[in-house]
Amino acid sequence: MTTKIVSTNRKAFHEYHILETYEAGIVLLGSEVKSLREGNASLKESYVVIRSGEAFLIGTHIRAYSHTGFVGHEPVRNRKLLLHKKEIGKIHSKLAEKGLTAVPLKLYFSNGRVKIEFGLAKGKKLHDKRDAKKQKDIKREMQREMGKYS
């Protein structure tokens, strides 16, 4: 099984506590897939929403394919996610809880098919972000000190 990561949402791990992760396929146009193969995607402002029993990816930017002619695709559009009905129901019930949102984490190719990993997330407070940064700095310092003596 080969995987090639196209785009990651590093900001999501800073802004949210990720509780659960899910993998889904995406309905795309041909020019979008070609553009993704070039690595032209951004997940920064995107999120997942459930509408009338279907999951959609909102706000993902996939740049136009470099060798396209006059007719291409719209860079930012709503894209349908491919999930089982039971999974959609489970996600929808969890999103109905207060303070939870579905945030895309990474976009990648798995055996030639485009997949997205998204997580159910709860927003971090400012003090949580500070604590996470402090822990990261402490870990980095420990690694640096251990490197001096080896």
N, C-alpha and C. Protein backbone atom coordinates (compact mmCIF):
# COMPACT_ATOMS: atom_id res chain seq x y z
N MET A 1 0.85 -1.18 0.00
CA MET A 1 0.00 0.00 0.00
C MET A 1 0.89 1.24 0.00
N THR A 2 0.80 2.02 -1.04
CA THR A 2 1.62 3.23 -1.15
C THR A 2 0.78 4.45 -0.82
N THR A 3 1.39 5.37 -0.10
CA THR A 3 0.71 6.63 0.21
C THR A 3 1.65 7.79 -0.11
N LYS A 4 1.06 8.83 -0.70
CA LYS A 4 1.80 10.04 -1.01
C LYS A 4 0.99 11.20 -0.43
N ILE A 5 1.56 11.88 0.55
CA ILE A 5 0.85 12.98 1.20
C ILE A 5 0.93 14.22 0.31
N VAL A 6 -0.23 14.80 0.03
CA VAL A 6 -0.32 15.99 -0.81
C VAL A 6 -0.29 17.25 0.04
N SER A 7 -1.09 17.26 1.11
CA SER A 7 -1.20 18.45 1.94
C SER A 7 -1.57 18.05 3.36
N THR A 8 -1.03 18.79 4.33
CA THR A 8 -1.40 18.57 5.73
C THR A 8 -1.88 19.89 6.33
N ASN A 9 -2.67 19.77 7.37
CA ASN A 9 -3.21 20.93 8.06
C ASN A 9 -2.54 21.01 9.43
N ARG A 10 -1.35 21.59 9.47
CA ARG A 10 -0.59 21.66 10.72
C ARG A 10 -1.26 22.57 11.73
N LYS A 11 -1.99 23.55 11.24
CA LYS A 11 -2.66 24.51 12.12
C LYS A 11 -3.75 23.82 12.95
N ALA A 12 -4.33 22.75 12.41
CA ALA A 12 -5.41 22.05 13.11
C ALA A 12 -4.93 21.49 14.45
N PHE A 13 -3.70 20.95 14.49
CA PHE A 13 -3.19 20.38 15.73
C PHE A 13 -2.87 21.47 16.75
N HIS A 14 -2.62 22.68 16.28
CA HIS A 14 -2.36 23.80 17.19
C HIS A 14 -3.67 24.37 17.74
N GLU A 15 -4.69 24.43 16.90
CA GLU A 15 -5.94 25.07 17.28
C GLU A 15 -6.93 24.14 17.99
N TYR A 16 -6.81 22.80 17.79
CA TYR A 16 -7.83 21.87 18.27
C TYR A 16 -7.22 20.68 18.99
N HIS A 17 -8.03 20.06 19.88
CA HIS A 17 -7.74 18.74 20.43
C HIS A 17 -8.43 17.76 19.49
N ILE A 18 -7.69 16.88 18.83
CA ILE A 18 -8.26 15.91 17.90
C ILE A 18 -8.71 14.69 18.72
N LEU A 19 -10.02 14.39 18.69
CA LEU A 19 -10.57 13.30 19.48
C LEU A 19 -10.62 11.98 18.71
N GLU A 20 -11.10 12.01 17.49
CA GLU A 20 -11.20 10.81 16.63
C GLU A 20 -10.81 11.19 15.22
N THR A 21 -10.31 10.22 14.46
CA THR A 21 -9.99 10.48 13.06
C THR A 21 -10.76 9.52 12.17
N TYR A 22 -11.08 9.99 10.97
CA TYR A 22 -11.79 9.21 9.96
C TYR A 22 -11.08 9.39 8.62
N GLU A 23 -11.25 8.40 7.74
CA GLU A 23 -10.70 8.48 6.39
C GLU A 23 -11.87 8.41 5.42
N ALA A 24 -11.81 9.26 4.39
CA ALA A 24 -12.89 9.27 3.40
C ALA A 24 -12.30 9.52 2.02
N GLY A 25 -13.01 9.05 1.00
CA GLY A 25 -12.67 9.37 -0.37
C GLY A 25 -13.33 10.70 -0.73
N ILE A 26 -12.93 11.28 -1.85
CA ILE A 26 -13.50 12.56 -2.27
C ILE A 26 -13.93 12.46 -3.73
N VAL A 27 -15.07 13.06 -4.06
CA VAL A 27 -15.53 13.14 -5.44
C VAL A 27 -14.83 14.33 -6.08
N LEU A 28 -13.97 14.07 -7.08
CA LEU A 28 -13.18 15.12 -7.72
C LEU A 28 -13.32 15.07 -9.24
N LEU A 29 -12.97 16.17 -9.87
CA LEU A 29 -12.88 16.24 -11.32
C LEU A 29 -11.48 15.81 -11.74
N GLY A 30 -11.32 15.47 -13.01
CA GLY A 30 -10.03 15.01 -13.52
C GLY A 30 -8.92 16.03 -13.35
N SER A 31 -9.23 17.30 -13.64
CA SER A 31 -8.20 18.35 -13.53
C SER A 31 -7.80 18.56 -12.06
N GLU A 32 -8.73 18.29 -11.14
CA GLU A 32 -8.40 18.42 -9.72
C GLU A 32 -7.42 17.33 -9.29
N VAL A 33 -7.63 16.12 -9.78
CA VAL A 33 -6.73 15.02 -9.44
C VAL A 33 -5.33 15.30 -9.99
N LYS A 34 -5.27 15.79 -11.24
CA LYS A 34 -3.97 16.11 -11.85
C LYS A 34 -3.26 17.21 -11.07
N SER A 35 -4.02 18.20 -10.62
CA SER A 35 -3.45 19.28 -9.83
C SER A 35 -2.94 18.76 -8.49
N LEU A 36 -3.68 17.84 -7.88
CA LEU A 36 -3.25 17.24 -6.61
C LEU A 36 -1.96 16.44 -6.80
N ARG A 37 -1.81 15.79 -7.94
CA ARG A 37 -0.58 15.04 -8.20
C ARG A 37 0.63 15.98 -8.25
N GLU A 38 0.39 17.24 -8.62
CA GLU A 38 1.45 18.26 -8.60
C GLU A 38 1.64 18.84 -7.20
N GLY A 39 0.76 18.51 -6.26
CA GLY A 39 0.88 19.00 -4.88
C GLY A 39 0.26 20.36 -4.66
N ASN A 40 -0.74 20.72 -5.44
CA ASN A 40 -1.35 22.05 -5.35
C ASN A 40 -2.66 22.03 -4.55
N ALA A 41 -2.56 21.94 -3.23
CA ALA A 41 -3.77 21.96 -2.40
C ALA A 41 -3.48 22.63 -1.07
N SER A 42 -4.52 23.22 -0.49
CA SER A 42 -4.41 23.85 0.81
C SER A 42 -5.65 23.51 1.64
N LEU A 43 -5.42 23.05 2.87
CA LEU A 43 -6.51 22.69 3.77
C LEU A 43 -6.72 23.73 4.87
N LYS A 44 -6.08 24.88 4.77
CA LYS A 44 -6.07 25.86 5.86
C LYS A 44 -7.44 26.26 6.37
N GLU A 45 -8.30 26.72 5.50
CA GLU A 45 -9.59 27.29 5.91
C GLU A 45 -10.73 26.29 5.77
N SER A 46 -10.45 25.00 5.62
CA SER A 46 -11.50 24.05 5.29
C SER A 46 -12.06 23.33 6.51
N TYR A 47 -13.25 22.76 6.33
CA TYR A 47 -13.93 22.00 7.37
C TYR A 47 -14.90 21.03 6.72
N VAL A 48 -15.40 20.07 7.50
CA VAL A 48 -16.34 19.07 7.01
C VAL A 48 -17.71 19.34 7.63
N VAL A 49 -18.74 19.21 6.81
CA VAL A 49 -20.11 19.44 7.28
C VAL A 49 -21.00 18.30 6.76
N ILE A 50 -22.05 17.97 7.53
CA ILE A 50 -23.02 16.95 7.13
C ILE A 50 -24.32 17.66 6.78
N ARG A 51 -24.78 17.44 5.53
CA ARG A 51 -26.04 18.04 5.07
C ARG A 51 -26.90 16.96 4.42
N SER A 52 -28.11 16.82 4.87
CA SER A 52 -29.09 15.85 4.35
C SER A 52 -28.49 14.46 4.11
N GLY A 53 -27.79 13.96 5.10
CA GLY A 53 -27.26 12.61 5.03
C GLY A 53 -26.01 12.43 4.18
N GLU A 54 -25.38 13.53 3.76
CA GLU A 54 -24.15 13.46 2.97
C GLU A 54 -23.09 14.35 3.60
N ALA A 55 -21.83 13.92 3.47
CA ALA A 55 -20.72 14.70 4.02
C ALA A 55 -20.07 15.51 2.91
N PHE A 56 -19.73 16.77 3.23
CA PHE A 56 -19.10 17.65 2.26
C PHE A 56 -17.86 18.30 2.86
N LEU A 57 -16.86 18.49 2.02
CA LEU A 57 -15.64 19.20 2.39
C LEU A 57 -15.79 20.63 1.87
N ILE A 58 -15.76 21.59 2.77
CA ILE A 58 -16.00 22.99 2.43
C ILE A 58 -14.70 23.78 2.54
N GLY A 59 -14.42 24.64 1.57
CA GLY A 59 -13.33 25.59 1.68
C GLY A 59 -11.95 25.10 1.32
N THR A 60 -11.81 23.89 0.79
CA THR A 60 -10.49 23.40 0.38
C THR A 60 -10.11 24.03 -0.95
N HIS A 61 -8.88 24.52 -1.02
CA HIS A 61 -8.40 25.17 -2.24
C HIS A 61 -7.50 24.21 -3.01
N ILE A 62 -7.92 23.86 -4.23
CA ILE A 62 -7.10 23.05 -5.14
C ILE A 62 -6.83 23.93 -6.35
N ARG A 63 -5.57 24.32 -6.51
CA ARG A 63 -5.19 25.24 -7.58
C ARG A 63 -5.43 24.61 -8.95
N ALA A 64 -5.66 25.44 -9.95
CA ALA A 64 -5.91 24.96 -11.32
C ALA A 64 -4.70 24.18 -11.82
N TYR A 65 -4.96 23.15 -12.60
CA TYR A 65 -3.91 22.31 -13.18
C TYR A 65 -3.07 23.15 -14.13
N SER A 66 -1.76 22.97 -14.09
CA SER A 66 -0.85 23.82 -14.84
C SER A 66 -1.01 23.70 -16.35
N HIS A 67 -1.41 22.54 -16.87
CA HIS A 67 -1.51 22.33 -18.33
C HIS A 67 -2.95 22.33 -18.82
N THR A 68 -3.84 22.95 -18.06
CA THR A 68 -5.24 22.96 -18.47
C THR A 68 -5.46 24.01 -19.55
N GLY A 69 -6.52 23.81 -20.34
CA GLY A 69 -6.86 24.75 -21.40
C GLY A 69 -7.78 25.83 -20.86
N PHE A 70 -8.83 26.12 -21.62
CA PHE A 70 -9.77 27.15 -21.23
C PHE A 70 -10.71 26.69 -20.11
N VAL A 71 -11.08 25.42 -20.15
CA VAL A 71 -12.04 24.90 -19.18
C VAL A 71 -11.29 24.12 -18.12
N GLY A 72 -11.32 24.65 -16.91
CA GLY A 72 -10.67 23.98 -15.78
C GLY A 72 -11.70 23.71 -14.71
N HIS A 73 -11.28 23.75 -13.46
CA HIS A 73 -12.21 23.59 -12.36
C HIS A 73 -12.16 24.82 -11.47
N GLU A 74 -13.20 24.97 -10.66
CA GLU A 74 -13.24 26.08 -9.71
C GLU A 74 -12.33 25.72 -8.53
N PRO A 75 -11.37 26.57 -8.16
CA PRO A 75 -10.40 26.21 -7.11
C PRO A 75 -11.03 25.92 -5.76
N VAL A 76 -12.00 26.73 -5.33
CA VAL A 76 -12.64 26.51 -4.03
C VAL A 76 -14.10 26.18 -4.29
N ARG A 77 -14.46 24.92 -4.03
CA ARG A 77 -15.86 24.51 -4.19
C ARG A 77 -16.15 23.42 -3.17
N ASN A 78 -17.43 23.16 -2.95
CA ASN A 78 -17.83 22.11 -2.02
C ASN A 78 -17.61 20.76 -2.70
N ARG A 79 -16.92 19.85 -2.01
CA ARG A 79 -16.64 18.53 -2.58
C ARG A 79 -17.26 17.47 -1.68
N LYS A 80 -17.95 16.52 -2.31
CA LYS A 80 -18.62 15.46 -1.56
C LYS A 80 -17.60 14.44 -1.06
N LEU A 81 -17.79 13.99 0.18
CA LEU A 81 -16.94 12.95 0.76
C LEU A 81 -17.65 11.61 0.67
N LEU A 82 -16.87 10.56 0.45
CA LEU A 82 -17.42 9.22 0.31
C LEU A 82 -17.25 8.45 1.62
N LEU A 83 -18.35 8.28 2.33
CA LEU A 83 -18.36 7.57 3.61
C LEU A 83 -19.57 6.64 3.64
N HIS A 84 -19.52 5.62 4.50
CA HIS A 84 -20.66 4.74 4.69
C HIS A 84 -21.74 5.49 5.46
N LYS A 85 -22.99 5.09 5.22
CA LYS A 85 -24.13 5.76 5.86
C LYS A 85 -24.05 5.71 7.38
N LYS A 86 -23.59 4.57 7.93
CA LYS A 86 -23.45 4.44 9.39
C LYS A 86 -22.41 5.42 9.92
N GLU A 87 -21.30 5.55 9.19
CA GLU A 87 -20.25 6.50 9.61
C GLU A 87 -20.78 7.93 9.60
N ILE A 88 -21.52 8.27 8.56
CA ILE A 88 -22.08 9.63 8.46
C ILE A 88 -23.03 9.89 9.63
N GLY A 89 -23.86 8.92 9.96
CA GLY A 89 -24.78 9.06 11.10
C GLY A 89 -24.03 9.25 12.41
N LYS A 90 -22.98 8.46 12.59
CA LYS A 90 -22.18 8.56 13.81
C LYS A 90 -21.51 9.93 13.92
N ILE A 91 -20.93 10.39 12.82
CA ILE A 91 -20.26 11.70 12.80
C ILE A 91 -21.28 12.81 13.03
N HIS A 92 -22.43 12.71 12.39
CA HIS A 92 -23.46 13.74 12.54
C HIS A 92 -23.93 13.86 13.98
N SER A 93 -24.10 12.72 14.65
CA SER A 93 -24.54 12.78 16.05
C SER A 93 -23.46 13.40 16.94
N LYS A 94 -22.19 13.13 16.63
CA LYS A 94 -21.11 13.71 17.44
C LYS A 94 -20.95 15.20 17.16
N LEU A 95 -21.18 15.62 15.90
CA LEU A 95 -21.09 17.04 15.57
C LEU A 95 -22.22 17.84 16.21
N ALA A 96 -23.32 17.17 16.52
CA ALA A 96 -24.44 17.85 17.18
C ALA A 96 -24.09 18.22 18.62
N GLU A 97 -23.08 17.54 19.19
CA GLU A 97 -22.62 17.89 20.54
C GLU A 97 -22.04 19.31 20.52
N LYS A 98 -22.12 19.97 21.65
CA LYS A 98 -21.64 21.34 21.73
C LYS A 98 -20.12 21.40 21.63
N GLY A 99 -19.62 22.27 20.79
CA GLY A 99 -18.19 22.55 20.72
C GLY A 99 -17.37 21.62 19.85
N LEU A 100 -17.98 20.66 19.15
CA LEU A 100 -17.21 19.78 18.28
C LEU A 100 -17.32 20.23 16.83
N THR A 101 -16.25 20.03 16.09
CA THR A 101 -16.23 20.34 14.67
C THR A 101 -15.40 19.29 13.96
N ALA A 102 -15.59 19.16 12.65
CA ALA A 102 -14.82 18.20 11.85
C ALA A 102 -13.80 18.98 11.04
N VAL A 103 -12.51 18.69 11.27
CA VAL A 103 -11.42 19.43 10.66
C VAL A 103 -10.56 18.49 9.82
N PRO A 104 -10.31 18.83 8.54
CA PRO A 104 -9.43 18.00 7.72
C PRO A 104 -7.99 18.07 8.23
N LEU A 105 -7.32 16.92 8.30
CA LEU A 105 -5.95 16.86 8.81
C LEU A 105 -4.93 16.67 7.70
N LYS A 106 -5.22 15.75 6.75
CA LYS A 106 -4.30 15.59 5.63
C LYS A 106 -5.02 15.05 4.41
N LEU A 107 -4.46 15.37 3.26
CA LEU A 107 -4.97 14.97 1.96
C LEU A 107 -3.87 14.14 1.32
N TYR A 108 -4.18 12.94 0.85
CA TYR A 108 -3.13 12.07 0.34
C TYR A 108 -3.67 11.09 -0.70
N PHE A 109 -2.74 10.48 -1.44
CA PHE A 109 -3.07 9.42 -2.38
C PHE A 109 -2.80 8.09 -1.69
N SER A 110 -3.75 7.18 -1.77
CA SER A 110 -3.58 5.83 -1.24
C SER A 110 -3.93 4.87 -2.37
N ASN A 111 -2.93 4.17 -2.87
CA ASN A 111 -3.10 3.25 -4.01
C ASN A 111 -3.77 3.94 -5.20
N GLY A 112 -3.35 5.16 -5.49
CA GLY A 112 -3.86 5.89 -6.65
C GLY A 112 -5.16 6.61 -6.43
N ARG A 113 -5.76 6.49 -5.27
CA ARG A 113 -7.03 7.16 -4.99
C ARG A 113 -6.80 8.28 -3.99
N VAL A 114 -7.51 9.39 -4.19
CA VAL A 114 -7.36 10.53 -3.28
C VAL A 114 -8.20 10.28 -2.04
N LYS A 115 -7.57 10.41 -0.88
CA LYS A 115 -8.25 10.22 0.41
C LYS A 115 -8.01 11.46 1.27
N ILE A 116 -8.92 11.67 2.19
CA ILE A 116 -8.74 12.75 3.16
C ILE A 116 -8.92 12.15 4.55
N GLU A 117 -8.05 12.56 5.45
CA GLU A 117 -8.18 12.18 6.85
C GLU A 117 -8.68 13.42 7.58
N PHE A 118 -9.81 13.26 8.27
CA PHE A 118 -10.33 14.37 9.05
C PHE A 118 -10.61 13.88 10.47
N GLY A 119 -10.63 14.83 11.37
CA GLY A 119 -10.82 14.48 12.77
C GLY A 119 -11.93 15.27 13.42
N LEU A 120 -12.59 14.64 14.38
CA LEU A 120 -13.53 15.37 15.22
C LEU A 120 -12.72 16.08 16.28
N ALA A 121 -12.90 17.38 16.37
CA ALA A 121 -12.01 18.18 17.19
C ALA A 121 -12.79 19.11 18.11
N LYS A 122 -12.14 19.43 19.21
CA LYS A 122 -12.67 20.40 20.16
C LYS A 122 -11.66 21.53 20.25
N GLY A 123 -12.11 22.76 20.18
CA GLY A 123 -11.22 23.91 20.18
C GLY A 123 -10.40 24.04 21.45
N LYS A 124 -9.14 24.43 21.30
CA LYS A 124 -8.27 24.65 22.46
C LYS A 124 -8.46 26.06 22.98
N LYS A 125 -8.33 26.20 24.27
CA LYS A 125 -8.31 27.52 24.89
C LYS A 125 -6.89 28.07 24.79
N LEU A 126 -6.72 29.35 25.06
CA LEU A 126 -5.41 29.99 24.94
C LEU A 126 -4.40 29.35 25.88
N HIS A 127 -4.82 29.04 27.11
CA HIS A 127 -3.86 28.43 28.04
C HIS A 127 -3.45 27.03 27.60
N ASP A 128 -4.34 26.30 26.92
CA ASP A 128 -3.99 24.97 26.39
C ASP A 128 -2.90 25.10 25.32
N LYS A 129 -3.02 26.12 24.49
CA LYS A 129 -2.03 26.34 23.43
C LYS A 129 -0.67 26.67 24.04
N ARG A 130 -0.70 27.49 25.11
CA ARG A 130 0.56 27.84 25.79
C ARG A 130 1.20 26.61 26.40
N ASP A 131 0.40 25.76 27.05
CA ASP A 131 0.92 24.54 27.66
C ASP A 131 1.53 23.62 26.60
N ALA A 132 0.86 23.48 25.48
CA ALA A 132 1.36 22.61 24.41
C ALA A 132 2.69 23.14 23.88
N LYS A 133 2.80 24.46 23.72
CA LYS A 133 4.05 25.05 23.24
C LYS A 133 5.16 24.86 24.26
N LYS A 134 4.84 25.01 25.55
CA LYS A 134 5.83 24.84 26.60
C LYS A 134 6.35 23.39 26.60
N GLN A 135 5.44 22.42 26.50
CA GLN A 135 5.85 21.02 26.48
C GLN A 135 6.72 20.70 25.26
N LYS A 136 6.37 21.30 24.13
CA LYS A 136 7.16 21.10 22.91
C LYS A 136 8.57 21.67 23.07
N ASP A 137 8.67 22.86 23.68
CA ASP A 137 9.98 23.48 23.91
C ASP A 137 10.83 22.66 24.88
N ILE A 138 10.20 22.14 25.94
CA ILE A 138 10.93 21.31 26.91
C ILE A 138 11.45 20.05 26.22
N LYS A 139 10.62 19.43 25.41
CA LYS A 139 11.03 18.22 24.70
C LYS A 139 12.20 18.50 23.76
N ARG A 140 12.13 19.64 23.06
CA ARG A 140 13.19 20.03 22.13
C ARG A 140 14.51 20.26 22.88
N GLU A 141 14.43 20.94 24.03
CA GLU A 141 15.63 21.18 24.84
C GLU A 141 16.25 19.87 25.33
N MET A 142 15.40 18.94 25.78
CA MET A 142 15.90 17.64 26.23
C MET A 142 16.61 16.91 25.10
N GLN A 143 16.03 16.95 23.90
CA GLN A 143 16.65 16.30 22.75
C GLN A 143 17.99 16.94 22.42
N ARG A 144 18.05 18.26 22.53
CA ARG A 144 19.29 18.99 22.24
C ARG A 144 20.38 18.63 23.25
N GLU A 145 20.00 18.56 24.53
CA GLU A 145 20.97 18.20 25.57
C GLU A 145 21.45 16.76 25.42
N MET A 146 20.54 15.87 25.07
CA MET A 146 20.91 14.46 24.89
C MET A 146 21.85 14.32 23.69
N GLY A 147 21.66 15.14 22.68
CA GLY A 147 22.52 15.10 21.49
C GLY A 147 23.94 15.53 21.79
N LYS A 148 24.13 16.42 22.78
CA LYS A 148 25.48 16.90 23.13
C LYS A 148 26.34 15.77 23.71
N TYR A 149 25.71 14.89 24.47
CA TYR A 149 26.46 13.87 25.21
C TYR A 149 26.58 12.53 24.47
N SER A 150 25.97 12.41 23.31
CA SER A 150 26.10 11.12 22.63
C SER A 150 27.13 11.13 21.55
